[in-house]
Amino acid sequence: GSLQNNCYLITDTATGKSALVDCTEDSKKMRDFIAGADLEYILLT
């Protein structure tokens, strides 16, 4: 985004379960960023 937000994809290495910390946009860049993740949560700060 224009405000240069950091979003984080965090993954528990033992199980592959993931969460996204903050979600600035629904874009191709974001979808590519989380592609393949077993996303359980969107954690909003």
PDB file of all heavy atoms in Angstrom:
ATOM      1  N   GLY A   1       0.785  -1.225   0.000  1.00  0.00           N
ATOM      2  CA  GLY A   1       0.000   0.000   0.000  1.00  0.00           C
ATOM      3  C   GLY A   1       0.814   1.270   0.000  1.00  0.00           C
ATOM      4  O   GLY A   1       2.037   1.267   0.160  1.00  0.00           O
ATOM      5  N   SER A   2       0.099   2.389  -0.162  1.00  0.00           N
ATOM      6  CA  SER A   2       0.748   3.694  -0.271  1.00  0.00           C
ATOM      7  C   SER A   2       1.393   4.136   1.030  1.00  0.00           C
ATOM      8  O   SER A   2       2.302   4.965   1.027  1.00  0.00           O
ATOM      9  CB  SER A   2      -0.271   4.741  -0.714  1.00  0.00           C
ATOM     10  OG  SER A   2      -1.324   4.858   0.232  1.00  0.00           O
ATOM     11  N   LEU A   3       0.947   3.588   2.154  1.00  0.00           N
ATOM     12  CA  LEU A   3       1.526   3.926   3.456  1.00  0.00           C
ATOM     13  C   LEU A   3       2.614   2.938   3.867  1.00  0.00           C
ATOM     14  O   LEU A   3       3.124   3.005   4.978  1.00  0.00           O
ATOM     15  CB  LEU A   3       0.439   3.996   4.533  1.00  0.00           C
ATOM     16  CG  LEU A   3      -0.634   5.063   4.303  1.00  0.00           C
ATOM     17  CD1 LEU A   3      -1.658   5.047   5.433  1.00  0.00           C
ATOM     18  CD2 LEU A   3      -0.020   6.448   4.165  1.00  0.00           C
ATOM     19  N   GLN A   4       2.946   2.039   2.963  1.00  0.00           N
ATOM     20  CA  GLN A   4       4.024   1.068   3.177  1.00  0.00           C
ATOM     21  C   GLN A   4       3.850   0.305   4.496  1.00  0.00           C
ATOM     22  O   GLN A   4       4.724   0.289   5.353  1.00  0.00           O
ATOM     23  CB  GLN A   4       5.380   1.763   3.126  1.00  0.00           C
ATOM     24  CG  GLN A   4       5.691   2.354   1.755  1.00  0.00           C
ATOM     25  CD  GLN A   4       7.087   2.936   1.664  1.00  0.00           C
ATOM     26  OE1 GLN A   4       7.503   3.722   2.497  1.00  0.00           O
ATOM     27  NE2 GLN A   4       7.819   2.550   0.629  1.00  0.00           N
ATOM     28  N   ASN A   5       2.708  -0.339   4.579  1.00  0.00           N
ATOM     29  CA  ASN A   5       2.423  -1.176   5.749  1.00  0.00           C
ATOM     30  C   ASN A   5       3.162  -2.502   5.668  1.00  0.00           C
ATOM     31  O   ASN A   5       3.210  -3.120   4.608  1.00  0.00           O
ATOM     32  CB  ASN A   5       0.926  -1.482   5.829  1.00  0.00           C
ATOM     33  CG  ASN A   5       0.104  -0.273   6.193  1.00  0.00           C
ATOM     34  OD1 ASN A   5      -0.066   0.649   5.388  1.00  0.00           O
ATOM     35  ND2 ASN A   5      -0.420  -0.265   7.394  1.00  0.00           N
ATOM     36  N   ASN A   6       3.680  -2.934   6.788  1.00  0.00           N
ATOM     37  CA  ASN A   6       4.256  -4.265   6.878  1.00  0.00           C
ATOM     38  C   ASN A   6       3.173  -5.264   7.261  1.00  0.00           C
ATOM     39  O   ASN A   6       2.466  -5.077   8.258  1.00  0.00           O
ATOM     40  CB  ASN A   6       5.349  -4.312   7.945  1.00  0.00           C
ATOM     41  CG  ASN A   6       6.529  -3.433   7.606  1.00  0.00           C
ATOM     42  OD1 ASN A   6       6.847  -3.227   6.444  1.00  0.00           O
ATOM     43  ND2 ASN A   6       7.182  -2.908   8.638  1.00  0.00           N
ATOM     44  N   CYS A   7       3.050  -6.313   6.476  1.00  0.00           N
ATOM     45  CA  CYS A   7       2.182  -7.441   6.823  1.00  0.00           C
ATOM     46  C   CYS A   7       3.072  -8.669   6.980  1.00  0.00           C
ATOM     47  O   CYS A   7       4.061  -8.825   6.259  1.00  0.00           O
ATOM     48  CB  CYS A   7       1.129  -7.677   5.757  1.00  0.00           C
ATOM     49  SG  CYS A   7      -0.036  -6.310   5.564  1.00  0.00           S
ATOM     50  N   TYR A   8       2.704  -9.521   7.919  1.00  0.00           N
ATOM     51  CA  TYR A   8       3.551 -10.653   8.280  1.00  0.00           C
ATOM     52  C   TYR A   8       2.792 -11.968   8.122  1.00  0.00           C
ATOM     53  O   TYR A   8       1.673 -12.107   8.629  1.00  0.00           O
ATOM     54  CB  TYR A   8       4.020 -10.515   9.734  1.00  0.00           C
ATOM     55  CG  TYR A   8       4.811  -9.258   9.975  1.00  0.00           C
ATOM     56  CD1 TYR A   8       4.186  -8.089  10.408  1.00  0.00           C
ATOM     57  CD2 TYR A   8       6.187  -9.217   9.745  1.00  0.00           C
ATOM     58  CE1 TYR A   8       4.901  -6.924  10.620  1.00  0.00           C
ATOM     59  CE2 TYR A   8       6.913  -8.055   9.948  1.00  0.00           C
ATOM     60  CZ  TYR A   8       6.266  -6.916  10.387  1.00  0.00           C
ATOM     61  OH  TYR A   8       6.980  -5.759  10.586  1.00  0.00           O
ATOM     62  N   LEU A   9       3.393 -12.909   7.436  1.00  0.00           N
ATOM     63  CA  LEU A   9       2.874 -14.265   7.370  1.00  0.00           C
ATOM     64  C   LEU A   9       3.702 -15.096   8.326  1.00  0.00           C
ATOM     65  O   LEU A   9       4.908 -15.282   8.127  1.00  0.00           O
ATOM     66  CB  LEU A   9       2.975 -14.819   5.954  1.00  0.00           C
ATOM     67  CG  LEU A   9       2.407 -16.233   5.764  1.00  0.00           C
ATOM     68  CD1 LEU A   9       0.893 -16.225   5.966  1.00  0.00           C
ATOM     69  CD2 LEU A   9       2.768 -16.772   4.382  1.00  0.00           C
ATOM     70  N   ILE A  10       3.060 -15.551   9.398  1.00  0.00           N
ATOM     71  CA  ILE A  10       3.786 -16.319  10.411  1.00  0.00           C
ATOM     72  C   ILE A  10       3.302 -17.768  10.363  1.00  0.00           C
ATOM     73  O   ILE A  10       2.115 -18.036  10.233  1.00  0.00           O
ATOM     74  CB  ILE A  10       3.622 -15.706  11.815  1.00  0.00           C
ATOM     75  CG1 ILE A  10       2.161 -15.714  12.280  1.00  0.00           C
ATOM     76  CG2 ILE A  10       4.150 -14.273  11.822  1.00  0.00           C
ATOM     77  CD1 ILE A  10       1.966 -15.213  13.708  1.00  0.00           C
ATOM     78  N   THR A  11       4.252 -18.681  10.453  1.00  0.00           N
ATOM     79  CA  THR A  11       3.941 -20.101  10.285  1.00  0.00           C
ATOM     80  C   THR A  11       4.578 -20.920  11.388  1.00  0.00           C
ATOM     81  O   THR A  11       5.782 -20.788  11.662  1.00  0.00           O
ATOM     82  CB  THR A  11       4.438 -20.608   8.919  1.00  0.00           C
ATOM     83  OG1 THR A  11       3.846 -19.822   7.874  1.00  0.00           O
ATOM     84  CG2 THR A  11       4.075 -22.069   8.719  1.00  0.00           C
ATOM     85  N   ASP A  12       3.763 -21.755  12.015  1.00  0.00           N
ATOM     86  CA  ASP A  12       4.268 -22.724  12.985  1.00  0.00           C
ATOM     87  C   ASP A  12       4.966 -23.832  12.202  1.00  0.00           C
ATOM     88  O   ASP A  12       4.331 -24.562  11.438  1.00  0.00           O
ATOM     89  CB  ASP A  12       3.105 -23.290  13.806  1.00  0.00           C
ATOM     90  CG  ASP A  12       3.539 -24.410  14.726  1.00  0.00           C
ATOM     91  OD1 ASP A  12       4.348 -24.144  15.635  1.00  0.00           O
ATOM     92  OD2 ASP A  12       3.084 -25.553  14.519  1.00  0.00           O
ATOM     93  N   THR A  13       6.279 -23.927  12.371  1.00  0.00           N
ATOM     94  CA  THR A  13       7.057 -24.836  11.527  1.00  0.00           C
ATOM     95  C   THR A  13       6.736 -26.305  11.779  1.00  0.00           C
ATOM     96  O   THR A  13       6.918 -27.142  10.902  1.00  0.00           O
ATOM     97  CB  THR A  13       8.564 -24.599  11.713  1.00  0.00           C
ATOM     98  OG1 THR A  13       8.896 -24.734  13.101  1.00  0.00           O
ATOM     99  CG2 THR A  13       8.954 -23.198  11.241  1.00  0.00           C
ATOM    100  N   ALA A  14       6.230 -26.623  12.966  1.00  0.00           N
ATOM    101  CA  ALA A  14       5.932 -28.019  13.285  1.00  0.00           C
ATOM    102  C   ALA A  14       4.701 -28.523  12.538  1.00  0.00           C
ATOM    103  O   ALA A  14       4.625 -29.708  12.194  1.00  0.00           O
ATOM    104  CB  ALA A  14       5.733 -28.183  14.789  1.00  0.00           C
ATOM    105  N   THR A  15       3.747 -27.633  12.294  1.00  0.00           N
ATOM    106  CA  THR A  15       2.468 -28.068  11.723  1.00  0.00           C
ATOM    107  C   THR A  15       2.134 -27.408  10.389  1.00  0.00           C
ATOM    108  O   THR A  15       1.226 -27.866   9.685  1.00  0.00           O
ATOM    109  CB  THR A  15       1.323 -27.768  12.698  1.00  0.00           C
ATOM    110  OG1 THR A  15       1.234 -26.346  12.888  1.00  0.00           O
ATOM    111  CG2 THR A  15       1.549 -28.456  14.045  1.00  0.00           C
ATOM    112  N   GLY A  16       2.804 -26.324  10.059  1.00  0.00           N
ATOM    113  CA  GLY A  16       2.492 -25.602   8.837  1.00  0.00           C
ATOM    114  C   GLY A  16       1.305 -24.667   8.940  1.00  0.00           C
ATOM    115  O   GLY A  16       0.919 -24.043   7.947  1.00  0.00           O
ATOM    116  N   LYS A  17       0.717 -24.550  10.127  1.00  0.00           N
ATOM    117  CA  LYS A  17      -0.403 -23.633  10.334  1.00  0.00           C
ATOM    118  C   LYS A  17       0.109 -22.193  10.317  1.00  0.00           C
ATOM    119  O   LYS A  17       1.134 -21.891  10.928  1.00  0.00           O
ATOM    120  CB  LYS A  17      -1.108 -23.919  11.652  1.00  0.00           C
ATOM    121  CG  LYS A  17      -1.708 -25.316  11.759  1.00  0.00           C
ATOM    122  CD  LYS A  17      -2.870 -25.502  10.795  1.00  0.00           C
ATOM    123  CE  LYS A  17      -3.536 -26.859  10.975  1.00  0.00           C
ATOM    124  NZ  LYS A  17      -4.660 -27.060  10.016  1.00  0.00           N
ATOM    125  N   SER A  18      -0.649 -21.303   9.644  1.00  0.00           N
ATOM    126  CA  SER A  18      -0.185 -19.933   9.466  1.00  0.00           C
ATOM    127  C   SER A  18      -1.214 -18.907   9.920  1.00  0.00           C
ATOM    128  O   SER A  18      -2.410 -19.200  10.032  1.00  0.00           O
ATOM    129  CB  SER A  18       0.146 -19.669   7.991  1.00  0.00           C
ATOM    130  OG  SER A  18       1.222 -20.459   7.550  1.00  0.00           O
ATOM    131  N   ALA A  19      -0.723 -17.702  10.150  1.00  0.00           N
ATOM    132  CA  ALA A  19      -1.571 -16.544  10.438  1.00  0.00           C
ATOM    133  C   ALA A  19      -0.989 -15.350   9.708  1.00  0.00           C
ATOM    134  O   ALA A  19       0.228 -15.262   9.480  1.00  0.00           O
ATOM    135  CB  ALA A  19      -1.645 -16.271  11.940  1.00  0.00           C
ATOM    136  N   LEU A  20      -1.857 -14.427   9.336  1.00  0.00           N
ATOM    137  CA  LEU A  20      -1.447 -13.183   8.701  1.00  0.00           C
ATOM    138  C   LEU A  20      -1.628 -12.062   9.713  1.00  0.00           C
ATOM    139  O   LEU A  20      -2.721 -11.888  10.253  1.00  0.00           O
ATOM    140  CB  LEU A  20      -2.299 -12.922   7.460  1.00  0.00           C
ATOM    141  CG  LEU A  20      -2.010 -11.660   6.653  1.00  0.00           C
ATOM    142  CD1 LEU A  20      -0.609 -11.716   6.043  1.00  0.00           C
ATOM    143  CD2 LEU A  20      -3.065 -11.473   5.559  1.00  0.00           C
ATOM    144  N   VAL A  21      -0.568 -11.326  10.002  1.00  0.00           N
ATOM    145  CA  VAL A  21      -0.658 -10.197  10.923  1.00  0.00           C
ATOM    146  C   VAL A  21      -0.894  -8.930  10.099  1.00  0.00           C
ATOM    147  O   VAL A  21      -0.026  -8.483   9.354  1.00  0.00           O
ATOM    148  CB  VAL A  21       0.618 -10.048  11.769  1.00  0.00           C
ATOM    149  CG1 VAL A  21       0.468  -8.875  12.745  1.00  0.00           C
ATOM    150  CG2 VAL A  21       0.916 -11.335  12.533  1.00  0.00           C
ATOM    151  N   ASP A  22      -2.104  -8.383  10.226  1.00  0.00           N
ATOM    152  CA  ASP A  22      -2.597  -7.229   9.478  1.00  0.00           C
ATOM    153  C   ASP A  22      -2.742  -7.570   7.997  1.00  0.00           C
ATOM    154  O   ASP A  22      -2.079  -8.471   7.474  1.00  0.00           O
ATOM    155  CB  ASP A  22      -1.754  -5.988   9.708  1.00  0.00           C
ATOM    156  CG  ASP A  22      -1.906  -5.439  11.131  1.00  0.00           C
ATOM    157  OD1 ASP A  22      -2.963  -5.688  11.755  1.00  0.00           O
ATOM    158  OD2 ASP A  22      -0.989  -4.763  11.619  1.00  0.00           O
ATOM    159  N   CYS A  23      -3.668  -6.847   7.353  1.00  0.00           N
ATOM    160  CA  CYS A  23      -4.009  -7.178   5.964  1.00  0.00           C
ATOM    161  C   CYS A  23      -4.371  -5.893   5.231  1.00  0.00           C
ATOM    162  O   CYS A  23      -5.538  -5.514   5.163  1.00  0.00           O
ATOM    163  CB  CYS A  23      -5.154  -8.187   5.940  1.00  0.00           C
ATOM    164  SG  CYS A  23      -5.504  -8.854   4.301  1.00  0.00           S
ATOM    165  N   THR A  24      -3.371  -5.245   4.703  1.00  0.00           N
ATOM    166  CA  THR A  24      -3.525  -3.924   4.104  1.00  0.00           C
ATOM    167  C   THR A  24      -4.409  -3.921   2.872  1.00  0.00           C
ATOM    168  O   THR A  24      -5.178  -2.978   2.657  1.00  0.00           O
ATOM    169  CB  THR A  24      -2.141  -3.364   3.735  1.00  0.00           C
ATOM    170  OG1 THR A  24      -1.367  -3.252   4.920  1.00  0.00           O
ATOM    171  CG2 THR A  24      -2.236  -2.009   3.069  1.00  0.00           C
ATOM    172  N   GLU A  25      -4.323  -4.962   2.065  1.00  0.00           N
ATOM    173  CA  GLU A  25      -5.051  -4.955   0.799  1.00  0.00           C
ATOM    174  C   GLU A  25      -5.330  -6.380   0.349  1.00  0.00           C
ATOM    175  O   GLU A  25      -4.644  -7.327   0.744  1.00  0.00           O
ATOM    176  CB  GLU A  25      -4.228  -4.226  -0.274  1.00  0.00           C
ATOM    177  CG  GLU A  25      -2.874  -4.883  -0.551  1.00  0.00           C
ATOM    178  CD  GLU A  25      -1.937  -4.036  -1.400  1.00  0.00           C
ATOM    179  OE1 GLU A  25      -2.017  -2.791  -1.277  1.00  0.00           O
ATOM    180  OE2 GLU A  25      -1.152  -4.611  -2.169  1.00  0.00           O
ATOM    181  N   ASP A  26      -6.367  -6.508  -0.475  1.00  0.00           N
ATOM    182  CA  ASP A  26      -6.628  -7.757  -1.175  1.00  0.00           C
ATOM    183  C   ASP A  26      -6.201  -7.529  -2.617  1.00  0.00           C
ATOM    184  O   ASP A  26      -6.926  -6.965  -3.421  1.00  0.00           O
ATOM    185  CB  ASP A  26      -8.112  -8.126  -1.099  1.00  0.00           C
ATOM    186  CG  ASP A  26      -8.432  -9.385  -1.883  1.00  0.00           C
ATOM    187  OD1 ASP A  26      -7.485 -10.092  -2.286  1.00  0.00           O
ATOM    188  OD2 ASP A  26      -9.627  -9.650  -2.108  1.00  0.00           O
ATOM    189  N   SER A  27      -4.988  -7.930  -2.917  1.00  0.00           N
ATOM    190  CA  SER A  27      -4.380  -7.658  -4.210  1.00  0.00           C
ATOM    191  C   SER A  27      -3.659  -8.915  -4.695  1.00  0.00           C
ATOM    192  O   SER A  27      -3.503  -9.890  -3.949  1.00  0.00           O
ATOM    193  CB  SER A  27      -3.370  -6.516  -4.074  1.00  0.00           C
ATOM    194  OG  SER A  27      -2.352  -6.873  -3.144  1.00  0.00           O
ATOM    195  N   LYS A  28      -3.214  -8.880  -5.927  1.00  0.00           N
ATOM    196  CA  LYS A  28      -2.415  -9.997  -6.429  1.00  0.00           C
ATOM    197  C   LYS A  28      -1.158 -10.160  -5.588  1.00  0.00           C
ATOM    198  O   LYS A  28      -0.750 -11.292  -5.278  1.00  0.00           O
ATOM    199  CB  LYS A  28      -2.038  -9.789  -7.898  1.00  0.00           C
ATOM    200  CG  LYS A  28      -1.259 -10.967  -8.492  1.00  0.00           C
ATOM    201  CD  LYS A  28      -0.897 -10.732  -9.934  1.00  0.00           C
ATOM    202  CE  LYS A  28      -0.219 -11.981 -10.540  1.00  0.00           C
ATOM    203  NZ  LYS A  28       1.012 -12.352  -9.820  1.00  0.00           N
ATOM    204  N   LYS A  29      -0.550  -9.046  -5.207  1.00  0.00           N
ATOM    205  CA  LYS A  29       0.656  -9.118  -4.383  1.00  0.00           C
ATOM    206  C   LYS A  29       0.361  -9.815  -3.059  1.00  0.00           C
ATOM    207  O   LYS A  29       1.138 -10.672  -2.615  1.00  0.00           O
ATOM    208  CB  LYS A  29       1.212  -7.720  -4.134  1.00  0.00           C
ATOM    209  CG  LYS A  29       2.476  -7.716  -3.286  1.00  0.00           C
ATOM    210  CD  LYS A  29       3.018  -6.298  -3.087  1.00  0.00           C
ATOM    211  CE  LYS A  29       4.273  -6.317  -2.218  1.00  0.00           C
ATOM    212  NZ  LYS A  29       4.845  -4.962  -2.019  1.00  0.00           N
ATOM    213  N   MET A  30      -0.771  -9.470  -2.425  1.00  0.00           N
ATOM    214  CA  MET A  30      -1.122 -10.105  -1.154  1.00  0.00           C
ATOM    215  C   MET A  30      -1.439 -11.580  -1.353  1.00  0.00           C
ATOM    216  O   MET A  30      -1.005 -12.439  -0.575  1.00  0.00           O
ATOM    217  CB  MET A  30      -2.309  -9.396  -0.513  1.00  0.00           C
ATOM    218  CG  MET A  30      -2.771 -10.012   0.807  1.00  0.00           C
ATOM    219  SD  MET A  30      -1.529  -9.933   2.121  1.00  0.00           S
ATOM    220  CE  MET A  30      -1.647  -8.185   2.577  1.00  0.00           C
ATOM    221  N   ARG A  31      -2.180 -11.897  -2.407  1.00  0.00           N
ATOM    222  CA  ARG A  31      -2.538 -13.295  -2.647  1.00  0.00           C
ATOM    223  C   ARG A  31      -1.310 -14.132  -2.982  1.00  0.00           C
ATOM    224  O   ARG A  31      -1.219 -15.291  -2.571  1.00  0.00           O
ATOM    225  CB  ARG A  31      -3.606 -13.384  -3.739  1.00  0.00           C
ATOM    226  CG  ARG A  31      -4.940 -12.797  -3.271  1.00  0.00           C
ATOM    227  CD  ARG A  31      -6.060 -12.991  -4.264  1.00  0.00           C
ATOM    228  NE  ARG A  31      -7.317 -12.467  -3.720  1.00  0.00           N
ATOM    229  CZ  ARG A  31      -8.510 -13.003  -3.905  1.00  0.00           C
ATOM    230  NH1 ARG A  31      -8.636 -14.099  -4.620  1.00  0.00           N
ATOM    231  NH2 ARG A  31      -9.584 -12.460  -3.363  1.00  0.00           N
ATOM    232  N   ASP A  32      -0.374 -13.542  -3.695  1.00  0.00           N
ATOM    233  CA  ASP A  32       0.893 -14.243  -3.950  1.00  0.00           C
ATOM    234  C   ASP A  32       1.681 -14.419  -2.657  1.00  0.00           C
ATOM    235  O   ASP A  32       2.345 -15.452  -2.443  1.00  0.00           O
ATOM    236  CB  ASP A  32       1.735 -13.464  -4.960  1.00  0.00           C
ATOM    237  CG  ASP A  32       1.181 -13.536  -6.379  1.00  0.00           C
ATOM    238  OD1 ASP A  32       0.311 -14.393  -6.638  1.00  0.00           O
ATOM    239  OD2 ASP A  32       1.615 -12.718  -7.212  1.00  0.00           O
ATOM    240  N   PHE A  33       1.623 -13.416  -1.795  1.00  0.00           N
ATOM    241  CA  PHE A  33       2.349 -13.442  -0.522  1.00  0.00           C
ATOM    242  C   PHE A  33       1.890 -14.595   0.365  1.00  0.00           C
ATOM    243  O   PHE A  33       2.701 -15.251   1.017  1.00  0.00           O
ATOM    244  CB  PHE A  33       2.137 -12.101   0.182  1.00  0.00           C
ATOM    245  CG  PHE A  33       2.811 -11.957   1.522  1.00  0.00           C
ATOM    246  CD1 PHE A  33       4.187 -11.992   1.647  1.00  0.00           C
ATOM    247  CD2 PHE A  33       2.055 -11.759   2.676  1.00  0.00           C
ATOM    248  CE1 PHE A  33       4.804 -11.844   2.884  1.00  0.00           C
ATOM    249  CE2 PHE A  33       2.657 -11.606   3.908  1.00  0.00           C
ATOM    250  CZ  PHE A  33       4.035 -11.650   4.023  1.00  0.00           C
ATOM    251  N   ILE A  34       0.583 -14.852   0.384  1.00  0.00           N
ATOM    252  CA  ILE A  34       0.043 -15.907   1.252  1.00  0.00           C
ATOM    253  C   ILE A  34      -0.193 -17.214   0.498  1.00  0.00           C
ATOM    254  O   ILE A  34      -0.693 -18.185   1.083  1.00  0.00           O
ATOM    255  CB  ILE A  34      -1.265 -15.466   1.935  1.00  0.00           C
ATOM    256  CG1 ILE A  34      -2.367 -15.208   0.896  1.00  0.00           C
ATOM    257  CG2 ILE A  34      -1.018 -14.231   2.798  1.00  0.00           C
ATOM    258  CD1 ILE A  34      -3.737 -14.965   1.502  1.00  0.00           C
ATOM    259  N   ALA A  35       0.161 -17.255  -0.763  1.00  0.00           N
ATOM    260  CA  ALA A  35      -0.129 -18.433  -1.591  1.00  0.00           C
ATOM    261  C   ALA A  35       0.450 -19.698  -0.965  1.00  0.00           C
ATOM    262  O   ALA A  35       1.606 -19.737  -0.560  1.00  0.00           O
ATOM    263  CB  ALA A  35       0.443 -18.242  -2.991  1.00  0.00           C
ATOM    264  N   GLY A  36      -0.393 -20.714  -0.872  1.00  0.00           N
ATOM    265  CA  GLY A  36       0.040 -22.000  -0.336  1.00  0.00           C
ATOM    266  C   GLY A  36      -0.007 -22.109   1.170  1.00  0.00           C
ATOM    267  O   GLY A  36       0.201 -23.199   1.725  1.00  0.00           O
ATOM    268  N   ALA A  37      -0.281 -21.007   1.857  1.00  0.00           N
ATOM    269  CA  ALA A  37      -0.314 -21.039   3.323  1.00  0.00           C
ATOM    270  C   ALA A  37      -1.616 -21.665   3.814  1.00  0.00           C
ATOM    271  O   ALA A  37      -2.685 -21.467   3.230  1.00  0.00           O
ATOM    272  CB  ALA A  37      -0.179 -19.621   3.886  1.00  0.00           C
ATOM    273  N   ASP A  38      -1.512 -22.405   4.890  1.00  0.00           N
ATOM    274  CA  ASP A  38      -2.690 -22.946   5.585  1.00  0.00           C
ATOM    275  C   ASP A  38      -3.111 -21.891   6.601  1.00  0.00           C
ATOM    276  O   ASP A  38      -2.777 -21.968   7.781  1.00  0.00           O
ATOM    277  CB  ASP A  38      -2.324 -24.265   6.266  1.00  0.00           C
ATOM    278  CG  ASP A  38      -3.525 -24.947   6.907  1.00  0.00           C
ATOM    279  OD1 ASP A  38      -4.645 -24.418   6.790  1.00  0.00           O
ATOM    280  OD2 ASP A  38      -3.330 -25.994   7.554  1.00  0.00           O
ATOM    281  N   LEU A  39      -3.846 -20.884   6.117  1.00  0.00           N
ATOM    282  CA  LEU A  39      -4.101 -19.671   6.896  1.00  0.00           C
ATOM    283  C   LEU A  39      -5.274 -19.873   7.854  1.00  0.00           C
ATOM    284  O   LEU A  39      -6.420 -20.034   7.432  1.00  0.00           O
ATOM    285  CB  LEU A  39      -4.376 -18.497   5.958  1.00  0.00           C
ATOM    286  CG  LEU A  39      -4.201 -17.103   6.551  1.00  0.00           C
ATOM    287  CD1 LEU A  39      -2.738 -16.829   6.884  1.00  0.00           C
ATOM    288  CD2 LEU A  39      -4.721 -16.046   5.584  1.00  0.00           C
ATOM    289  N   GLU A  40      -4.970 -19.847   9.150  1.00  0.00           N
ATOM    290  CA  GLU A  40      -6.003 -20.030  10.169  1.00  0.00           C
ATOM    291  C   GLU A  40      -6.556 -18.716  10.695  1.00  0.00           C
ATOM    292  O   GLU A  40      -7.731 -18.637  11.055  1.00  0.00           O
ATOM    293  CB  GLU A  40      -5.434 -20.833  11.341  1.00  0.00           C
ATOM    294  CG  GLU A  40      -5.185 -22.289  11.039  1.00  0.00           C
ATOM    295  CD  GLU A  40      -5.401 -23.151  12.276  1.00  0.00           C
ATOM    296  OE1 GLU A  40      -5.074 -22.703  13.388  1.00  0.00           O
ATOM    297  OE2 GLU A  40      -5.901 -24.276  12.108  1.00  0.00           O
ATOM    298  N   TYR A  41      -5.711 -17.677  10.773  1.00  0.00           N
ATOM    299  CA  TYR A  41      -6.122 -16.419  11.396  1.00  0.00           C
ATOM    300  C   TYR A  41      -5.628 -15.226  10.586  1.00  0.00           C
ATOM    301  O   TYR A  41      -4.597 -15.287   9.917  1.00  0.00           O
ATOM    302  CB  TYR A  41      -5.524 -16.278  12.808  1.00  0.00           C
ATOM    303  CG  TYR A  41      -5.792 -17.403  13.757  1.00  0.00           C
ATOM    304  CD1 TYR A  41      -4.778 -18.318  14.071  1.00  0.00           C
ATOM    305  CD2 TYR A  41      -7.037 -17.571  14.361  1.00  0.00           C
ATOM    306  CE1 TYR A  41      -4.998 -19.349  14.958  1.00  0.00           C
ATOM    307  CE2 TYR A  41      -7.266 -18.606  15.245  1.00  0.00           C
ATOM    308  CZ  TYR A  41      -6.249 -19.494  15.546  1.00  0.00           C
ATOM    309  OH  TYR A  41      -6.463 -20.530  16.421  1.00  0.00           O
ATOM    310  N   ILE A  42      -6.375 -14.134  10.714  1.00  0.00           N
ATOM    311  CA  ILE A  42      -5.890 -12.805  10.354  1.00  0.00           C
ATOM    312  C   ILE A  42      -5.856 -12.024  11.661  1.00  0.00           C
ATOM    313  O   ILE A  42      -6.899 -11.697  12.237  1.00  0.00           O
ATOM    314  CB  ILE A  42      -6.791 -12.109   9.323  1.00  0.00           C
ATOM    315  CG1 ILE A  42      -6.895 -12.941   8.036  1.00  0.00           C
ATOM    316  CG2 ILE A  42      -6.263 -10.707   9.019  1.00  0.00           C
ATOM    317  CD1 ILE A  42      -7.912 -12.421   7.039  1.00  0.00           C
ATOM    318  N   LEU A  43      -4.660 -11.788  12.166  1.00  0.00           N
ATOM    319  CA  LEU A  43      -4.470 -11.142  13.458  1.00  0.00           C
ATOM    320  C   LEU A  43      -4.315  -9.641  13.238  1.00  0.00           C
ATOM    321  O   LEU A  43      -3.336  -9.204  12.618  1.00  0.00           O
ATOM    322  CB  LEU A  43      -3.219 -11.694  14.147  1.00  0.00           C
ATOM    323  CG  LEU A  43      -3.149 -13.215  14.342  1.00  0.00           C
ATOM    324  CD1 LEU A  43      -1.779 -13.598  14.903  1.00  0.00           C
ATOM    325  CD2 LEU A  43      -4.260 -13.697  15.271  1.00  0.00           C
ATOM    326  N   LEU A  44      -5.248  -8.860  13.737  1.00  0.00           N
ATOM    327  CA  LEU A  44      -5.217  -7.423  13.522  1.00  0.00           C
ATOM    328  C   LEU A  44      -4.673  -6.717  14.759  1.00  0.00           C
ATOM    329  O   LEU A  44      -5.170  -6.905  15.868  1.00  0.00           O
ATOM    330  CB  LEU A  44      -6.617  -6.909  13.190  1.00  0.00           C
ATOM    331  CG  LEU A  44      -7.220  -7.517  11.911  1.00  0.00           C
ATOM    332  CD1 LEU A  44      -8.648  -7.036  11.715  1.00  0.00           C
ATOM    333  CD2 LEU A  44      -6.356  -7.187  10.693  1.00  0.00           C
ATOM    334  N   THR A  45      -3.642  -5.909  14.540  1.00  0.00           N
ATOM    335  CA  THR A  45      -3.058  -5.160  15.653  1.00  0.00           C
ATOM    336  C   THR A  45      -3.938  -3.995  16.064  1.00  0.00           C
ATOM    337  O   THR A  45      -3.915  -3.571  17.219  1.00  0.00           O
ATOM    338  CB  THR A  45      -1.661  -4.637  15.295  1.00  0.00           C
ATOM    339  OG1 THR A  45      -1.751  -3.777  14.134  1.00  0.00           O
ATOM    340  CG2 THR A  45      -0.706  -5.793  15.001  1.00  0.00           C
TER     341      THR A  45
END
